[in-house]
Protein backbone atom coordinates (compact mmCIF):
# COMPACT_ATOMS: atom_id res chain seq x y z
CA UNK A 1 -15.09 -8.83 -10.85
CA UNK A 2 -11.44 -8.17 -11.69
CA UNK A 3 -12.19 -6.58 -15.06
CA UNK A 4 -15.14 -4.41 -14.11
CA UNK A 5 -14.54 -3.55 -10.43
CA UNK A 6 -11.19 -4.44 -8.85
CA UNK A 7 -8.85 -3.21 -11.59
CA UNK A 8 -10.69 0.05 -12.45
CA UNK A 9 -10.99 0.84 -8.73
CA UNK A 10 -7.27 0.20 -8.10
CA UNK A 11 -8.12 -2.52 -5.61
CA UNK A 12 -4.85 -4.34 -6.26
CA UNK A 13 -5.03 -6.96 -3.49
CA UNK A 14 -8.67 -7.95 -3.80
CA UNK A 15 -9.96 -11.16 -5.32
CA UNK A 16 -11.30 -14.67 -4.87
CA UNK A 17 -7.85 -16.17 -5.47
CA UNK A 18 -4.64 -14.33 -4.55
CA UNK A 19 -0.99 -14.89 -5.33
CA UNK A 20 0.69 -17.15 -2.77
CA UNK A 21 3.33 -14.46 -2.16
CA UNK A 22 0.68 -12.57 -0.19
CA UNK A 23 0.11 -15.45 2.23
CA UNK A 24 2.25 -13.93 4.99
CA UNK A 25 0.01 -10.86 4.98
CA UNK A 26 -3.17 -12.84 5.56
CA UNK A 27 -4.94 -12.56 8.91
CA UNK A 28 -6.03 -15.94 10.20
CA UNK A 29 -9.69 -16.71 10.74
CA UNK A 30 -10.83 -18.12 14.06
CA UNK A 31 -14.06 -19.82 15.07
CA UNK A 32 -16.29 -19.45 18.08
CA UNK A 33 -16.46 -22.74 20.03
CA UNK A 34 -20.20 -22.92 19.42
CA UNK A 35 -19.75 -23.70 15.74
CA UNK A 36 -16.50 -25.69 15.73
CA UNK A 37 -18.31 -29.08 15.49
CA UNK A 38 -20.17 -27.91 12.37
CA UNK A 39 -16.93 -26.58 10.87
CA UNK A 40 -15.20 -29.89 11.55
CA UNK A 41 -17.90 -31.82 9.70
CA UNK A 42 -17.47 -29.80 6.52
CA UNK A 43 -13.70 -29.23 6.55
CA UNK A 44 -11.52 -31.21 4.14
CA UNK A 45 -8.51 -32.98 5.58
CA UNK A 46 -7.67 -35.82 7.90
CA UNK A 47 -9.98 -37.34 10.49
CA UNK A 48 -7.51 -36.26 13.17
CA UNK A 49 -7.90 -32.62 12.10
CA UNK A 50 -11.67 -32.82 12.32
CA UNK A 51 -11.51 -34.60 15.68
CA UNK A 52 -9.16 -31.92 17.01
CA UNK A 53 -11.65 -29.20 16.10
CA UNK A 54 -14.49 -31.04 17.82
CA UNK A 55 -12.36 -31.41 20.98
CA UNK A 56 -11.43 -27.71 20.88
CA UNK A 57 -15.10 -26.82 20.59
CA UNK A 58 -16.00 -28.96 23.59
CA UNK A 59 -13.16 -27.47 25.65
CA UNK A 60 -14.23 -23.97 24.69
CA UNK A 61 -17.79 -24.62 25.84
CA UNK A 62 -16.76 -26.36 29.07
CA UNK A 63 -13.71 -24.31 30.10
CA UNK A 64 -14.16 -20.99 28.35
CA UNK A 65 -12.68 -19.54 25.20
CA UNK A 66 -9.53 -18.19 26.88
CA UNK A 67 -8.47 -21.69 27.85
CA UNK A 68 -8.70 -22.84 24.24
CA UNK A 69 -6.80 -19.79 22.98
CA UNK A 70 -3.87 -20.66 25.23
CA UNK A 71 -3.62 -24.11 23.63
CA UNK A 72 -2.66 -22.76 20.20
CA UNK A 73 -0.16 -20.18 18.91
CA UNK A 74 -1.34 -16.57 18.98
CA UNK A 75 -2.92 -15.53 15.69
CA UNK A 76 -3.30 -19.04 14.36
CA UNK A 77 -6.64 -19.93 12.83
CA UNK A 78 -8.32 -23.21 12.14
CA UNK A 79 -9.48 -22.52 8.60
CA UNK A 80 -7.46 -23.85 5.68
CA UNK A 81 -5.55 -20.92 4.10
CA UNK A 82 -5.07 -22.99 0.92
CA UNK A 83 -8.38 -21.71 -0.43
CA UNK A 84 -6.89 -18.26 -0.93
CA UNK A 85 -4.31 -19.28 -3.56
CA UNK A 86 -5.45 -22.69 -4.80
CA UNK A 87 -6.15 -21.98 -8.48
CA UNK A 88 -7.77 -25.37 -9.01
CA UNK A 89 -10.83 -23.70 -7.44
CA UNK A 90 -11.39 -26.77 -5.28
CA UNK A 91 -12.47 -24.53 -2.40
CA UNK A 92 -14.07 -21.85 -4.59
CA UNK A 93 -17.43 -20.33 -3.66
CA UNK A 94 -18.83 -17.96 -6.31
CA UNK A 95 -21.19 -16.26 -3.87
CA UNK A 96 -18.65 -15.58 -1.10
CA UNK A 97 -15.02 -15.63 -0.14
CA UNK A 98 -13.49 -12.45 -1.57
CA UNK A 99 -10.20 -11.69 0.19
CA UNK A 100 -8.49 -8.32 0.31
CA UNK A 101 -6.96 -5.58 2.40
CA UNK A 102 -8.73 -3.05 4.56
CA UNK A 103 -7.36 -0.28 2.34
CA UNK A 104 -8.88 -1.85 -0.77
CA UNK A 105 -12.20 -2.23 0.99
CA UNK A 106 -12.18 1.45 1.91
CA UNK A 107 -11.59 2.29 -1.76
CA UNK A 108 -14.74 0.35 -2.64
CA UNK A 109 -16.75 2.18 0.00
CA UNK A 110 -15.48 5.51 -1.31
CA UNK A 111 -16.90 4.60 -4.71
CA UNK A 112 -20.24 3.83 -3.08
CA UNK A 113 -20.37 7.36 -1.63
CA UNK A 114 -18.91 9.16 -4.67
CA UNK A 115 -21.70 8.56 -7.18
CA UNK A 116 -20.07 5.33 -8.31
CA UNK A 117 -16.81 6.97 -9.39
CA UNK A 118 -13.24 5.96 -8.58
CA UNK A 119 -10.35 8.21 -7.62
CA UNK A 120 -9.68 9.01 -11.30
CA UNK A 121 -13.32 9.99 -11.85
CA UNK A 122 -13.90 6.80 -13.85
CA UNK A 123 -17.51 5.62 -13.64
CA UNK A 124 -17.39 2.15 -12.10
CA UNK A 125 -21.00 1.77 -10.94
CA UNK A 126 -23.95 3.42 -12.63
CA UNK A 127 -26.56 5.39 -10.73
CA UNK A 128 -28.99 2.58 -11.48
CA UNK A 129 -26.80 0.11 -9.55
CA UNK A 130 -26.37 2.51 -6.62
CA UNK A 131 -30.12 3.13 -6.43
CA UNK A 132 -30.84 -0.60 -6.60
CA UNK A 133 -28.49 -1.31 -3.68
CA UNK A 134 -30.29 1.27 -1.54
CA UNK A 135 -33.82 0.16 -2.48
CA UNK A 136 -35.69 -2.31 -0.23
CA UNK A 137 -36.87 -5.41 -2.10
CA UNK A 138 -38.08 -7.59 0.79
CA UNK A 139 -40.90 -7.24 3.33
CA UNK A 140 -40.21 -5.11 6.38
CA UNK A 141 -38.21 -6.89 9.05
CA UNK A 142 -39.25 -6.89 12.67
CA UNK A 143 -38.18 -3.71 14.43
CA UNK A 144 -35.39 -5.11 16.54
CA UNK A 145 -31.72 -4.27 16.52
CA UNK A 146 -30.90 -7.94 16.10
CA UNK A 147 -32.46 -7.76 12.63
CA UNK A 148 -29.73 -5.36 11.55
CA UNK A 149 -27.44 -8.37 11.26
CA UNK A 150 -29.10 -9.24 7.99
CA UNK A 151 -28.51 -7.48 4.69
CA UNK A 152 -31.13 -4.77 4.44
CA UNK A 153 -31.99 -1.11 3.98
CA UNK A 154 -32.95 0.98 7.02
CA UNK A 155 -36.37 2.43 6.14
CA UNK A 156 -37.68 3.57 9.54
CA UNK A 157 -34.75 4.00 11.93
CA UNK A 158 -36.92 5.00 14.88
CA UNK A 159 -38.51 1.54 14.92
CA UNK A 160 -35.05 -0.02 15.30
CA UNK A 161 -33.90 2.50 17.90
CA UNK A 162 -31.47 4.19 15.51
CA UNK A 163 -30.75 7.88 14.91
CA UNK A 164 -32.97 9.54 12.30
CA UNK A 165 -30.02 10.22 10.02
CA UNK A 166 -29.52 6.47 9.57
CA UNK A 167 -32.56 6.38 7.25
CA UNK A 168 -31.69 5.00 3.84
CA UNK A 169 -28.45 3.35 4.94
CA UNK A 170 -27.87 -0.15 3.60
CA UNK A 171 -25.51 -2.68 5.08
CA UNK A 172 -24.09 -6.17 4.92
CA UNK A 173 -22.31 -8.62 7.16
CA UNK A 174 -19.66 -11.11 6.14
CA UNK A 175 -19.15 -14.69 7.26
CA UNK A 176 -16.18 -13.84 9.49
CA UNK A 177 -17.75 -10.85 11.27
CA UNK A 178 -16.82 -8.36 8.57
CA UNK A 179 -19.33 -5.52 8.47
CA UNK A 180 -19.97 -2.37 6.48
CA UNK A 181 -22.74 0.12 5.86
CA UNK A 182 -23.30 2.83 3.26
CA UNK A 183 -25.48 5.89 3.83
CA UNK A 184 -25.96 7.60 0.44
CA UNK A 185 -27.84 10.59 1.89
CA UNK A 186 -25.02 11.42 4.28
CA UNK A 187 -22.27 10.44 1.81
CA UNK A 188 -21.06 8.23 4.64
CA UNK A 189 -19.69 4.71 4.83
CA UNK A 190 -17.96 2.66 7.52
CA UNK A 191 -16.53 -0.82 7.84
CA UNK A 192 -15.44 -2.97 10.75
CA UNK A 193 -13.24 -5.92 9.83
CA UNK A 194 -12.69 -8.83 12.20
CA UNK A 195 -11.93 -12.50 11.65
CA UNK A 196 -14.34 -14.38 13.90
CA UNK A 197 -16.83 -16.97 12.70
CA UNK A 198 -19.75 -16.89 13.25
CA UNK A 199 -20.95 -13.35 12.65
CA UNK A 200 -23.82 -13.89 15.11
CA UNK A 201 -21.62 -14.22 18.20
CA UNK A 202 -21.64 -10.49 18.95
CA UNK A 203 -23.87 -7.64 17.65
CA UNK A 204 -21.01 -5.63 16.13
CA UNK A 205 -23.05 -4.38 13.18
CA UNK A 206 -25.80 -3.06 15.46
CA UNK A 207 -23.30 -1.03 17.46
CA UNK A 208 -21.40 0.14 14.37
CA UNK A 209 -24.46 1.59 12.65
CA UNK A 210 -25.79 3.15 15.84
CA UNK A 211 -22.46 4.51 17.16
CA UNK A 212 -21.34 6.13 13.91
CA UNK A 213 -24.67 7.86 13.30
CA UNK A 214 -24.94 9.04 16.89
CA UNK A 215 -21.55 10.73 16.52
CA UNK A 216 -22.70 12.89 13.60
CA UNK A 217 -23.11 16.58 14.43
């Protein structure tokens, strides 16, 4: 990833493992109370830490999320930040977990809408790769906006209640409610970065795809 994508694309702060000097720039990840018990079960650390998460989840469900937020410092998350710079790869997940800046992510999206080329006209992705990303490979999903939360290509936007110009757009959602879509036909891309787990707590992707395309003139 570093050799073939991040470095050629000048995405200097993107990677699975970052230097610890960047830790102060990291945005903490928070969890919706609904899934805190599941997070506690799989989180390494002391029993007290896991118990605390379960209690927070119960309080959030019983008293409301705002009550729980007041019990912890603003901006503090419950996920272990060690994963970001632990080079032992103890917390490494090869299929997920890339960390970076919003600016670096925008650079990647620019490549997706510039025929696979970076700012210096270097070819980073071939046309074959770009075409593959925008080609459906699974059966048609049910025509409901909620289905847009999955990774897919929009084939018939009218069935999903989307503007016609959204046809051909492909999109993805991240674990912590990080969303993006790419529309090759419109040379358009957009991303919406948040830090809330789980990504199914609010239909941000649905509204992002619909709102951006409806604003086109």
